[in-house]
């Protein structure tokens, strides 16, 4: 049985603008309550969170600085997101790991 969005959390890498930011808004509009945005630029990350917080005041929003071109750092960012949101696994994480196996050499696959 699929989990409802209001029972899930998500991580969006590159979520400070463009398609990533639009995806964040769409997920929050659909009921997602916990969201972490990962991006390189801290200022853009804080600005994106401020905009989202104004529109979705009940959501738990978090930012993690991350350069997605580095798989190991992206994996670390996802782990920080999981800890911040109090979840064992974030929506989409197992798919990211499946497509970027070099980032998790030595760990179990999901």
PDB file of N, CA and C in Angstrom:
ATOM      1  N   UNK A   1       0.839  -1.177   0.000  1.00  0.00           N
ATOM      2  CA  UNK A   1       0.000   0.000   0.000  1.00  0.00           C
ATOM      3  C   UNK A   1       0.887   1.245   0.000  1.00  0.00           C
ATOM      4  N   UNK A   2       0.594   2.172  -0.848  1.00  0.00           N
ATOM      5  CA  UNK A   2       1.376   3.401  -0.954  1.00  0.00           C
ATOM      6  C   UNK A   2       1.078   4.313   0.229  1.00  0.00           C
ATOM      7  N   UNK A   3       2.131   4.980   0.677  1.00  0.00           N
ATOM      8  CA  UNK A   3       1.994   5.945   1.752  1.00  0.00           C
ATOM      9  C   UNK A   3       1.392   7.234   1.221  1.00  0.00           C
ATOM     10  N   UNK A   4       0.583   7.892   2.015  1.00  0.00           N
ATOM     11  CA  UNK A   4       0.033   9.185   1.640  1.00  0.00           C
ATOM     12  C   UNK A   4       1.117  10.243   1.802  1.00  0.00           C
ATOM     13  N   UNK A   5       1.035  11.299   0.993  1.00  0.00           N
ATOM     14  CA  UNK A   5       2.048  12.347   1.074  1.00  0.00           C
ATOM     15  C   UNK A   5       2.130  12.979   2.458  1.00  0.00           C
ATOM     16  N   UNK A   6       0.999  13.123   3.142  1.00  0.00           N
ATOM     17  CA  UNK A   6       1.046  13.739   4.463  1.00  0.00           C
ATOM     18  C   UNK A   6       1.713  12.840   5.503  1.00  0.00           C
ATOM     19  N   UNK A   7       2.042  11.613   5.121  1.00  0.00           N
ATOM     20  CA  UNK A   7       2.766  10.691   5.999  1.00  0.00           C
ATOM     21  C   UNK A   7       4.197  10.485   5.519  1.00  0.00           C
ATOM     22  N   UNK A   8       4.615  11.250   4.517  1.00  0.00           N
ATOM     23  CA  UNK A   8       5.911  11.064   3.888  1.00  0.00           C
ATOM     24  C   UNK A   8       6.782  12.293   4.041  1.00  0.00           C
ATOM     25  N   UNK A   9       8.038  12.127   3.664  1.00  0.00           N
ATOM     26  CA  UNK A   9       8.974  13.234   3.577  1.00  0.00           C
ATOM     27  C   UNK A   9       9.687  13.112   2.241  1.00  0.00           C
ATOM     28  N   UNK A  10      10.289  14.207   1.794  1.00  0.00           N
ATOM     29  CA  UNK A  10      10.970  14.188   0.499  1.00  0.00           C
ATOM     30  C   UNK A  10      12.210  15.053   0.537  1.00  0.00           C
ATOM     31  N   UNK A  11      13.156  14.703  -0.327  1.00  0.00           N
ATOM     32  CA  UNK A  11      14.362  15.492  -0.533  1.00  0.00           C
ATOM     33  C   UNK A  11      14.385  15.880  -2.007  1.00  0.00           C
ATOM     34  N   UNK A  12      14.582  17.154  -2.274  1.00  0.00           N
ATOM     35  CA  UNK A  12      14.727  17.615  -3.651  1.00  0.00           C
ATOM     36  C   UNK A  12      16.113  18.223  -3.791  1.00  0.00           C
ATOM     37  N   UNK A  13      16.915  17.586  -4.626  1.00  0.00           N
ATOM     38  CA  UNK A  13      18.249  18.105  -4.907  1.00  0.00           C
ATOM     39  C   UNK A  13      18.104  19.087  -6.061  1.00  0.00           C
ATOM     40  N   UNK A  14      18.537  20.325  -5.840  1.00  0.00           N
ATOM     41  CA  UNK A  14      18.350  21.361  -6.842  1.00  0.00           C
ATOM     42  C   UNK A  14      16.981  21.997  -6.738  1.00  0.00           C
ATOM     43  N   UNK A  15      16.494  22.170  -5.527  1.00  0.00           N
ATOM     44  CA  UNK A  15      15.126  22.647  -5.332  1.00  0.00           C
ATOM     45  C   UNK A  15      14.981  24.123  -5.053  1.00  0.00           C
ATOM     46  N   UNK A  16      16.023  24.928  -5.333  1.00  0.00           N
ATOM     47  CA  UNK A  16      15.911  26.346  -5.006  1.00  0.00           C
ATOM     48  C   UNK A  16      15.291  27.184  -6.115  1.00  0.00           C
ATOM     49  N   UNK A  17      15.190  26.624  -7.320  1.00  0.00           N
ATOM     50  CA  UNK A  17      14.600  27.375  -8.432  1.00  0.00           C
ATOM     51  C   UNK A  17      14.150  26.405  -9.516  1.00  0.00           C
ATOM     52  N   UNK A  18      13.504  26.950 -10.530  1.00  0.00           N
ATOM     53  CA  UNK A  18      13.127  26.162 -11.700  1.00  0.00           C
ATOM     54  C   UNK A  18      12.246  24.972 -11.382  1.00  0.00           C
ATOM     55  N   UNK A  19      12.520  23.879 -12.071  1.00  0.00           N
ATOM     56  CA  UNK A  19      11.712  22.664 -11.928  1.00  0.00           C
ATOM     57  C   UNK A  19      11.752  22.119 -10.506  1.00  0.00           C
ATOM     58  N   UNK A  20      12.912  22.163  -9.869  1.00  0.00           N
ATOM     59  CA  UNK A  20      13.020  21.656  -8.498  1.00  0.00           C
ATOM     60  C   UNK A  20      12.133  22.428  -7.526  1.00  0.00           C
ATOM     61  N   UNK A  21      12.137  23.754  -7.641  1.00  0.00           N
ATOM     62  CA  UNK A  21      11.302  24.575  -6.767  1.00  0.00           C
ATOM     63  C   UNK A  21       9.824  24.345  -7.068  1.00  0.00           C
ATOM     64  N   UNK A  22       9.497  24.225  -8.345  1.00  0.00           N
ATOM     65  CA  UNK A  22       8.108  23.933  -8.728  1.00  0.00           C
ATOM     66  C   UNK A  22       7.676  22.576  -8.184  1.00  0.00           C
ATOM     67  N   UNK A  23       8.577  21.592  -8.211  1.00  0.00           N
ATOM     68  CA  UNK A  23       8.255  20.269  -7.655  1.00  0.00           C
ATOM     69  C   UNK A  23       8.024  20.362  -6.149  1.00  0.00           C
ATOM     70  N   UNK A  24       8.843  21.155  -5.471  1.00  0.00           N
ATOM     71  CA  UNK A  24       8.664  21.338  -4.028  1.00  0.00           C
ATOM     72  C   UNK A  24       7.288  21.908  -3.725  1.00  0.00           C
ATOM     73  N   UNK A  25       6.910  22.955  -4.444  1.00  0.00           N
ATOM     74  CA  UNK A  25       5.596  23.565  -4.236  1.00  0.00           C
ATOM     75  C   UNK A  25       4.478  22.577  -4.536  1.00  0.00           C
ATOM     76  N   UNK A  26       4.628  21.824  -5.596  1.00  0.00           N
ATOM     77  CA  UNK A  26       3.599  20.849  -5.970  1.00  0.00           C
ATOM     78  C   UNK A  26       3.432  19.786  -4.889  1.00  0.00           C
ATOM     79  N   UNK A  27       4.535  19.282  -4.375  1.00  0.00           N
ATOM     80  CA  UNK A  27       4.460  18.268  -3.305  1.00  0.00           C
ATOM     81  C   UNK A  27       3.796  18.840  -2.058  1.00  0.00           C
ATOM     82  N   UNK A  28       4.172  20.057  -1.686  1.00  0.00           N
ATOM     83  CA  UNK A  28       3.583  20.673  -0.503  1.00  0.00           C
ATOM     84  C   UNK A  28       2.092  20.957  -0.709  1.00  0.00           C
ATOM     85  N   UNK A  29       1.717  21.404  -1.887  1.00  0.00           N
ATOM     86  CA  UNK A  29       0.293  21.625  -2.197  1.00  0.00           C
ATOM     87  C   UNK A  29      -0.504  20.326  -2.112  1.00  0.00           C
ATOM     88  N   UNK A  30       0.176  19.220  -2.427  1.00  0.00           N
ATOM     89  CA  UNK A  30      -0.496  17.910  -2.437  1.00  0.00           C
ATOM     90  C   UNK A  30      -0.528  17.265  -1.064  1.00  0.00           C
ATOM     91  N   UNK A  31       0.024  17.923  -0.057  1.00  0.00           N
ATOM     92  CA  UNK A  31      -0.086  17.417   1.306  1.00  0.00           C
ATOM     93  C   UNK A  31       1.199  16.988   1.975  1.00  0.00           C
ATOM     94  N   UNK A  32       2.329  17.032   1.282  1.00  0.00           N
ATOM     95  CA  UNK A  32       3.600  16.678   1.912  1.00  0.00           C
ATOM     96  C   UNK A  32       3.849  17.605   3.087  1.00  0.00           C
ATOM     97  N   UNK A  33       4.296  17.066   4.207  1.00  0.00           N
ATOM     98  CA  UNK A  33       4.506  17.873   5.408  1.00  0.00           C
ATOM     99  C   UNK A  33       5.966  18.093   5.756  1.00  0.00           C
ATOM    100  N   UNK A  34       6.878  17.271   5.217  1.00  0.00           N
ATOM    101  CA  UNK A  34       8.300  17.387   5.540  1.00  0.00           C
ATOM    102  C   UNK A  34       9.111  17.386   4.252  1.00  0.00           C
ATOM    103  N   UNK A  35       9.893  18.467   4.048  1.00  0.00           N
ATOM    104  CA  UNK A  35      10.642  18.618   2.812  1.00  0.00           C
ATOM    105  C   UNK A  35      12.020  19.183   3.090  1.00  0.00           C
ATOM    106  N   UNK A  36      13.019  18.576   2.486  1.00  0.00           N
ATOM    107  CA  UNK A  36      14.375  19.115   2.513  1.00  0.00           C
ATOM    108  C   UNK A  36      14.778  19.466   1.097  1.00  0.00           C
ATOM    109  N   UNK A  37      15.333  20.660   0.946  1.00  0.00           N
ATOM    110  CA  UNK A  37      15.888  21.099  -0.322  1.00  0.00           C
ATOM    111  C   UNK A  37      17.401  21.073  -0.196  1.00  0.00           C
ATOM    112  N   UNK A  38      18.052  20.514  -1.199  1.00  0.00           N
ATOM    113  CA  UNK A  38      19.511  20.491  -1.259  1.00  0.00           C
ATOM    114  C   UNK A  38      19.964  21.312  -2.457  1.00  0.00           C
ATOM    115  N   UNK A  39      20.966  22.149  -2.257  1.00  0.00           N
ATOM    116  CA  UNK A  39      21.522  22.946  -3.348  1.00  0.00           C
ATOM    117  C   UNK A  39      22.889  23.484  -2.924  1.00  0.00           C
ATOM    118  N   UNK A  40      23.639  23.976  -3.897  1.00  0.00           N
ATOM    119  CA  UNK A  40      24.988  24.493  -3.618  1.00  0.00           C
ATOM    120  C   UNK A  40      24.960  25.835  -2.905  1.00  0.00           C
ATOM    121  N   UNK A  41      24.058  26.705  -3.285  1.00  0.00           N
ATOM    122  CA  UNK A  41      24.065  28.092  -2.817  1.00  0.00           C
ATOM    123  C   UNK A  41      23.203  28.251  -1.562  1.00  0.00           C
ATOM    124  N   UNK A  42      23.842  28.579  -0.451  1.00  0.00           N
ATOM    125  CA  UNK A  42      23.139  28.703   0.830  1.00  0.00           C
ATOM    126  C   UNK A  42      22.128  29.852   0.791  1.00  0.00           C
ATOM    127  N   UNK A  43      22.500  30.961   0.200  1.00  0.00           N
ATOM    128  CA  UNK A  43      21.585  32.103   0.128  1.00  0.00           C
ATOM    129  C   UNK A  43      20.323  31.747  -0.657  1.00  0.00           C
ATOM    130  N   UNK A  44      20.494  31.098  -1.797  1.00  0.00           N
ATOM    131  CA  UNK A  44      19.334  30.669  -2.578  1.00  0.00           C
ATOM    132  C   UNK A  44      18.499  29.654  -1.806  1.00  0.00           C
ATOM    133  N   UNK A  45      19.168  28.793  -1.053  1.00  0.00           N
ATOM    134  CA  UNK A  45      18.454  27.809  -0.239  1.00  0.00           C
ATOM    135  C   UNK A  45      17.599  28.471   0.822  1.00  0.00           C
ATOM    136  N   UNK A  46      18.164  29.434   1.519  1.00  0.00           N
ATOM    137  CA  UNK A  46      17.407  30.153   2.554  1.00  0.00           C
ATOM    138  C   UNK A  46      16.244  30.941   1.946  1.00  0.00           C
ATOM    139  N   UNK A  47      16.496  31.564   0.797  1.00  0.00           N
ATOM    140  CA  UNK A  47      15.420  32.312   0.126  1.00  0.00           C
ATOM    141  C   UNK A  47      14.291  31.388  -0.306  1.00  0.00           C
ATOM    142  N   UNK A  48      14.652  30.225  -0.854  1.00  0.00           N
ATOM    143  CA  UNK A  48      13.625  29.258  -1.278  1.00  0.00           C
ATOM    144  C   UNK A  48      12.803  28.791  -0.077  1.00  0.00           C
ATOM    145  N   UNK A  49      13.476  28.494   1.036  1.00  0.00           N
ATOM    146  CA  UNK A  49      12.743  28.061   2.234  1.00  0.00           C
ATOM    147  C   UNK A  49      11.827  29.157   2.749  1.00  0.00           C
ATOM    148  N   UNK A  50      12.282  30.399   2.713  1.00  0.00           N
ATOM    149  CA  UNK A  50      11.438  31.511   3.168  1.00  0.00           C
ATOM    150  C   UNK A  50      10.170  31.618   2.328  1.00  0.00           C
ATOM    151  N   UNK A  51      10.324  31.491   1.017  1.00  0.00           N
ATOM    152  CA  UNK A  51       9.153  31.552   0.124  1.00  0.00           C
ATOM    153  C   UNK A  51       8.196  30.402   0.403  1.00  0.00           C
ATOM    154  N   UNK A  52       8.759  29.201   0.570  1.00  0.00           N
ATOM    155  CA  UNK A  52       7.906  28.038   0.835  1.00  0.00           C
ATOM    156  C   UNK A  52       7.229  28.147   2.191  1.00  0.00           C
ATOM    157  N   UNK A  53       7.964  28.621   3.204  1.00  0.00           N
ATOM    158  CA  UNK A  53       7.398  28.757   4.551  1.00  0.00           C
ATOM    159  C   UNK A  53       6.248  29.758   4.565  1.00  0.00           C
ATOM    160  N   UNK A  54       6.364  30.814   3.773  1.00  0.00           N
ATOM    161  CA  UNK A  54       5.285  31.804   3.711  1.00  0.00           C
ATOM    162  C   UNK A  54       4.027  31.209   3.094  1.00  0.00           C
ATOM    163  N   UNK A  55       4.218  30.348   2.106  1.00  0.00           N
ATOM    164  CA  UNK A  55       3.064  29.755   1.416  1.00  0.00           C
ATOM    165  C   UNK A  55       2.523  28.508   2.117  1.00  0.00           C
ATOM    166  N   UNK A  56       3.399  27.788   2.827  1.00  0.00           N
ATOM    167  CA  UNK A  56       3.015  26.538   3.492  1.00  0.00           C
ATOM    168  C   UNK A  56       3.480  26.586   4.953  1.00  0.00           C
ATOM    169  N   UNK A  57       2.821  27.403   5.781  1.00  0.00           N
ATOM    170  CA  UNK A  57       3.301  27.633   7.150  1.00  0.00           C
ATOM    171  C   UNK A  57       3.302  26.403   8.053  1.00  0.00           C
ATOM    172  N   UNK A  58       2.535  25.390   7.745  1.00  0.00           N
ATOM    173  CA  UNK A  58       2.491  24.205   8.597  1.00  0.00           C
ATOM    174  C   UNK A  58       3.527  23.147   8.260  1.00  0.00           C
ATOM    175  N   UNK A  59       4.256  23.338   7.167  1.00  0.00           N
ATOM    176  CA  UNK A  59       5.215  22.321   6.722  1.00  0.00           C
ATOM    177  C   UNK A  59       6.543  22.450   7.461  1.00  0.00           C
ATOM    178  N   UNK A  60       7.201  21.302   7.662  1.00  0.00           N
ATOM    179  CA  UNK A  60       8.558  21.302   8.207  1.00  0.00           C
ATOM    180  C   UNK A  60       9.501  21.364   7.016  1.00  0.00           C
ATOM    181  N   UNK A  61      10.278  22.451   6.930  1.00  0.00           N
ATOM    182  CA  UNK A  61      11.165  22.678   5.798  1.00  0.00           C
ATOM    183  C   UNK A  61      12.609  22.753   6.279  1.00  0.00           C
ATOM    184  N   UNK A  62      13.498  22.178   5.499  1.00  0.00           N
ATOM    185  CA  UNK A  62      14.906  22.089   5.890  1.00  0.00           C
ATOM    186  C   UNK A  62      15.764  22.301   4.651  1.00  0.00           C
ATOM    187  N   UNK A  63      16.941  22.891   4.824  1.00  0.00           N
ATOM    188  CA  UNK A  63      17.892  23.076   3.724  1.00  0.00           C
ATOM    189  C   UNK A  63      19.217  22.425   4.085  1.00  0.00           C
ATOM    190  N   UNK A  64      19.811  21.749   3.099  1.00  0.00           N
ATOM    191  CA  UNK A  64      21.141  21.164   3.250  1.00  0.00           C
ATOM    192  C   UNK A  64      21.973  21.606   2.054  1.00  0.00           C
ATOM    193  N   UNK A  65      23.135  22.179   2.326  1.00  0.00           N
ATOM    194  CA  UNK A  65      24.034  22.566   1.238  1.00  0.00           C
ATOM    195  C   UNK A  65      24.650  21.314   0.640  1.00  0.00           C
ATOM    196  N   UNK A  66      24.641  21.237  -0.697  1.00  0.00           N
ATOM    197  CA  UNK A  66      25.096  20.027  -1.373  1.00  0.00           C
ATOM    198  C   UNK A  66      25.390  20.319  -2.833  1.00  0.00           C
ATOM    199  N   UNK A  67      26.486  19.772  -3.344  1.00  0.00           N
ATOM    200  CA  UNK A  67      26.794  19.835  -4.776  1.00  0.00           C
ATOM    201  C   UNK A  67      26.449  18.473  -5.356  1.00  0.00           C
ATOM    202  N   UNK A  68      25.384  18.410  -6.124  1.00  0.00           N
ATOM    203  CA  UNK A  68      24.883  17.135  -6.643  1.00  0.00           C
ATOM    204  C   UNK A  68      25.830  16.468  -7.630  1.00  0.00           C
ATOM    205  N   UNK A  69      26.854  17.170  -8.087  1.00  0.00           N
ATOM    206  CA  UNK A  69      27.813  16.533  -8.990  1.00  0.00           C
ATOM    207  C   UNK A  69      28.759  15.606  -8.235  1.00  0.00           C
ATOM    208  N   UNK A  70      28.718  15.653  -6.909  1.00  0.00           N
ATOM    209  CA  UNK A  70      29.546  14.788  -6.073  1.00  0.00           C
ATOM    210  C   UNK A  70      28.635  13.769  -5.385  1.00  0.00           C
ATOM    211  N   UNK A  71      28.611  12.525  -5.887  1.00  0.00           N
ATOM    212  CA  UNK A  71      27.682  11.526  -5.337  1.00  0.00           C
ATOM    213  C   UNK A  71      27.862  11.271  -3.836  1.00  0.00           C
ATOM    214  N   UNK A  72      29.082  11.262  -3.348  1.00  0.00           N
ATOM    215  CA  UNK A  72      29.295  10.999  -1.918  1.00  0.00           C
ATOM    216  C   UNK A  72      28.714  12.121  -1.068  1.00  0.00           C
ATOM    217  N   UNK A  73      28.902  13.350  -1.498  1.00  0.00           N
ATOM    218  CA  UNK A  73      28.337  14.480  -0.746  1.00  0.00           C
ATOM    219  C   UNK A  73      26.814  14.502  -0.837  1.00  0.00           C
ATOM    220  N   UNK A  74      26.290  14.080  -1.971  1.00  0.00           N
ATOM    221  CA  UNK A  74      24.837  14.010  -2.114  1.00  0.00           C
ATOM    222  C   UNK A  74      24.274  12.955  -1.176  1.00  0.00           C
ATOM    223  N   UNK A  75      24.934  11.827  -1.074  1.00  0.00           N
ATOM    224  CA  UNK A  75      24.509  10.782  -0.140  1.00  0.00           C
ATOM    225  C   UNK A  75      24.527  11.308   1.296  1.00  0.00           C
ATOM    226  N   UNK A  76      25.570  12.049   1.648  1.00  0.00           N
ATOM    227  CA  UNK A  76      25.664  12.638   2.985  1.00  0.00           C
ATOM    228  C   UNK A  76      24.524  13.636   3.207  1.00  0.00           C
ATOM    229  N   UNK A  77      24.222  14.436   2.196  1.00  0.00           N
ATOM    230  CA  UNK A  77      23.127  15.401   2.314  1.00  0.00           C
ATOM    231  C   UNK A  77      21.794  14.697   2.545  1.00  0.00           C
ATOM    232  N   UNK A  78      21.584  13.591   1.853  1.00  0.00           N
ATOM    233  CA  UNK A  78      20.343  12.837   2.031  1.00  0.00           C
ATOM    234  C   UNK A  78      20.272  12.271   3.448  1.00  0.00           C
ATOM    235  N   UNK A  79      21.392  11.796   3.953  1.00  0.00           N
ATOM    236  CA  UNK A  79      21.429  11.291   5.331  1.00  0.00           C
ATOM    237  C   UNK A  79      21.095  12.408   6.319  1.00  0.00           C
ATOM    238  N   UNK A  80      21.660  13.608   6.115  1.00  0.00           N
ATOM    239  CA  UNK A  80      21.333  14.753   6.980  1.00  0.00           C
ATOM    240  C   UNK A  80      19.843  15.086   6.892  1.00  0.00           C
ATOM    241  N   UNK A  81      19.298  15.015   5.692  1.00  0.00           N
ATOM    242  CA  UNK A  81      17.867  15.286   5.512  1.00  0.00           C
ATOM    243  C   UNK A  81      17.024  14.281   6.279  1.00  0.00           C
ATOM    244  N   UNK A  82      17.403  13.014   6.193  1.00  0.00           N
ATOM    245  CA  UNK A  82      16.663  11.968   6.927  1.00  0.00           C
ATOM    246  C   UNK A  82      16.679  12.246   8.419  1.00  0.00           C
ATOM    247  N   UNK A  83      17.832  12.588   8.947  1.00  0.00           N
ATOM    248  CA  UNK A  83      17.953  12.865  10.379  1.00  0.00           C
ATOM    249  C   UNK A  83      17.129  14.087  10.769  1.00  0.00           C
ATOM    250  N   UNK A  84      17.188  15.127   9.952  1.00  0.00           N
ATOM    251  CA  UNK A  84      16.450  16.353  10.256  1.00  0.00           C
ATOM    252  C   UNK A  84      14.946  16.135  10.240  1.00  0.00           C
ATOM    253  N   UNK A  85      14.480  15.246   9.361  1.00  0.00           N
ATOM    254  CA  UNK A  85      13.043  15.026   9.228  1.00  0.00           C
ATOM    255  C   UNK A  85      12.548  13.871  10.089  1.00  0.00           C
ATOM    256  N   UNK A  86      13.463  13.208  10.771  1.00  0.00           N
ATOM    257  CA  UNK A  86      13.055  12.138  11.664  1.00  0.00           C
ATOM    258  C   UNK A  86      12.539  10.911  10.953  1.00  0.00           C
ATOM    259  N   UNK A  87      13.058  10.640   9.763  1.00  0.00           N
ATOM    260  CA  UNK A  87      12.602   9.495   8.983  1.00  0.00           C
ATOM    261  C   UNK A  87      13.763   8.556   8.710  1.00  0.00           C
ATOM    262  N   UNK A  88      13.449   7.279   8.565  1.00  0.00           N
ATOM    263  CA  UNK A  88      14.458   6.299   8.176  1.00  0.00           C
ATOM    264  C   UNK A  88      14.725   6.352   6.681  1.00  0.00           C
ATOM    265  N   UNK A  89      13.723   6.724   5.923  1.00  0.00           N
ATOM    266  CA  UNK A  89      13.862   6.719   4.460  1.00  0.00           C
ATOM    267  C   UNK A  89      12.967   7.808   3.877  1.00  0.00           C
ATOM    268  N   UNK A  90      13.529   8.579   2.976  1.00  0.00           N
ATOM    269  CA  UNK A  90      12.778   9.659   2.339  1.00  0.00           C
ATOM    270  C   UNK A  90      12.226   9.186   0.999  1.00  0.00           C
ATOM    271  N   UNK A  91      11.128   9.776   0.583  1.00  0.00           N
ATOM    272  CA  UNK A  91      10.528   9.430  -0.709  1.00  0.00           C
ATOM    273  C   UNK A  91      11.550   9.639  -1.819  1.00  0.00           C
ATOM    274  N   UNK A  92      11.727   8.642  -2.652  1.00  0.00           N
ATOM    275  CA  UNK A  92      12.627   8.749  -3.787  1.00  0.00           C
ATOM    276  C   UNK A  92      14.061   8.362  -3.505  1.00  0.00           C
ATOM    277  N   UNK A  93      14.432   8.228  -2.243  1.00  0.00           N
ATOM    278  CA  UNK A  93      15.828   7.941  -1.921  1.00  0.00           C
ATOM    279  C   UNK A  93      16.279   6.609  -2.500  1.00  0.00           C
ATOM    280  N   UNK A  94      15.455   5.592  -2.410  1.00  0.00           N
ATOM    281  CA  UNK A  94      15.864   4.290  -2.926  1.00  0.00           C
ATOM    282  C   UNK A  94      16.100   4.347  -4.426  1.00  0.00           C
ATOM    283  N   UNK A  95      15.350   5.192  -5.137  1.00  0.00           N
ATOM    284  CA  UNK A  95      15.574   5.334  -6.579  1.00  0.00           C
ATOM    285  C   UNK A  95      16.896   6.048  -6.840  1.00  0.00           C
ATOM    286  N   UNK A  96      17.215   7.080  -6.040  1.00  0.00           N
ATOM    287  CA  UNK A  96      18.479   7.789  -6.216  1.00  0.00           C
ATOM    288  C   UNK A  96      19.635   6.820  -6.011  1.00  0.00           C
ATOM    289  N   UNK A  97      19.567   6.036  -4.987  1.00  0.00           N
ATOM    290  CA  UNK A  97      20.653   5.094  -4.715  1.00  0.00           C
ATOM    291  C   UNK A  97      20.792   4.060  -5.825  1.00  0.00           C
ATOM    292  N   UNK A  98      19.691   3.642  -6.396  1.00  0.00           N
ATOM    293  CA  UNK A  98      19.743   2.652  -7.462  1.00  0.00           C
ATOM    294  C   UNK A  98      20.426   3.238  -8.700  1.00  0.00           C
ATOM    295  N   UNK A  99      20.224   4.538  -8.963  1.00  0.00           N
ATOM    296  CA  UNK A  99      20.809   5.159 -10.148  1.00  0.00           C
ATOM    297  C   UNK A  99      22.207   5.715  -9.911  1.00  0.00           C
ATOM    298  N   UNK A 100      22.655   5.775  -8.663  1.00  0.00           N
ATOM    299  CA  UNK A 100      23.978   6.288  -8.324  1.00  0.00           C
ATOM    300  C   UNK A 100      24.689   5.309  -7.381  1.00  0.00           C
ATOM    301  N   UNK A 101      24.909   4.067  -7.809  1.00  0.00           N
ATOM    302  CA  UNK A 101      25.478   3.069  -6.901  1.00  0.00           C
ATOM    303  C   UNK A 101      26.882   3.404  -6.430  1.00  0.00           C
ATOM    304  N   UNK A 102      27.643   4.209  -7.181  1.00  0.00           N
ATOM    305  CA  UNK A 102      28.988   4.551  -6.764  1.00  0.00           C
ATOM    306  C   UNK A 102      28.986   5.368  -5.471  1.00  0.00           C
ATOM    307  N   UNK A 103      27.889   6.020  -5.167  1.00  0.00           N
ATOM    308  CA  UNK A 103      27.803   6.841  -3.964  1.00  0.00           C
ATOM    309  C   UNK A 103      27.630   6.015  -2.707  1.00  0.00           C
ATOM    310  N   UNK A 104      27.267   4.760  -2.843  1.00  0.00           N
ATOM    311  CA  UNK A 104      26.973   3.958  -1.657  1.00  0.00           C
ATOM    312  C   UNK A 104      27.702   2.628  -1.671  1.00  0.00           C
ATOM    313  N   UNK A 105      28.871   2.609  -2.278  1.00  0.00           N
ATOM    314  CA  UNK A 105      29.651   1.373  -2.302  1.00  0.00           C
ATOM    315  C   UNK A 105      29.828   0.851  -0.882  1.00  0.00           C
ATOM    316  N   UNK A 106      29.523  -0.409  -0.696  1.00  0.00           N
ATOM    317  CA  UNK A 106      29.675  -1.027   0.610  1.00  0.00           C
ATOM    318  C   UNK A 106      28.433  -1.007   1.475  1.00  0.00           C
ATOM    319  N   UNK A 107      27.396  -0.293   1.073  1.00  0.00           N
ATOM    320  CA  UNK A 107      26.172  -0.307   1.875  1.00  0.00           C
ATOM    321  C   UNK A 107      25.125  -1.150   1.196  1.00  0.00           C
ATOM    322  N   UNK A 108      24.115  -1.542   1.963  1.00  0.00           N
ATOM    323  CA  UNK A 108      23.078  -2.399   1.400  1.00  0.00           C
ATOM    324  C   UNK A 108      22.239  -1.634   0.408  1.00  0.00           C
ATOM    325  N   UNK A 109      21.724  -2.303  -0.606  1.00  0.00           N
ATOM    326  CA  UNK A 109      20.851  -1.639  -1.566  1.00  0.00           C
ATOM    327  C   UNK A 109      19.430  -1.680  -1.068  1.00  0.00           C
ATOM    328  N   UNK A 110      18.653  -0.685  -1.484  1.00  0.00           N
ATOM    329  CA  UNK A 110      17.259  -0.598  -1.034  1.00  0.00           C
ATOM    330  C   UNK A 110      16.346  -1.252  -2.016  1.00  0.00           C
TER     331      UNK A 110
END
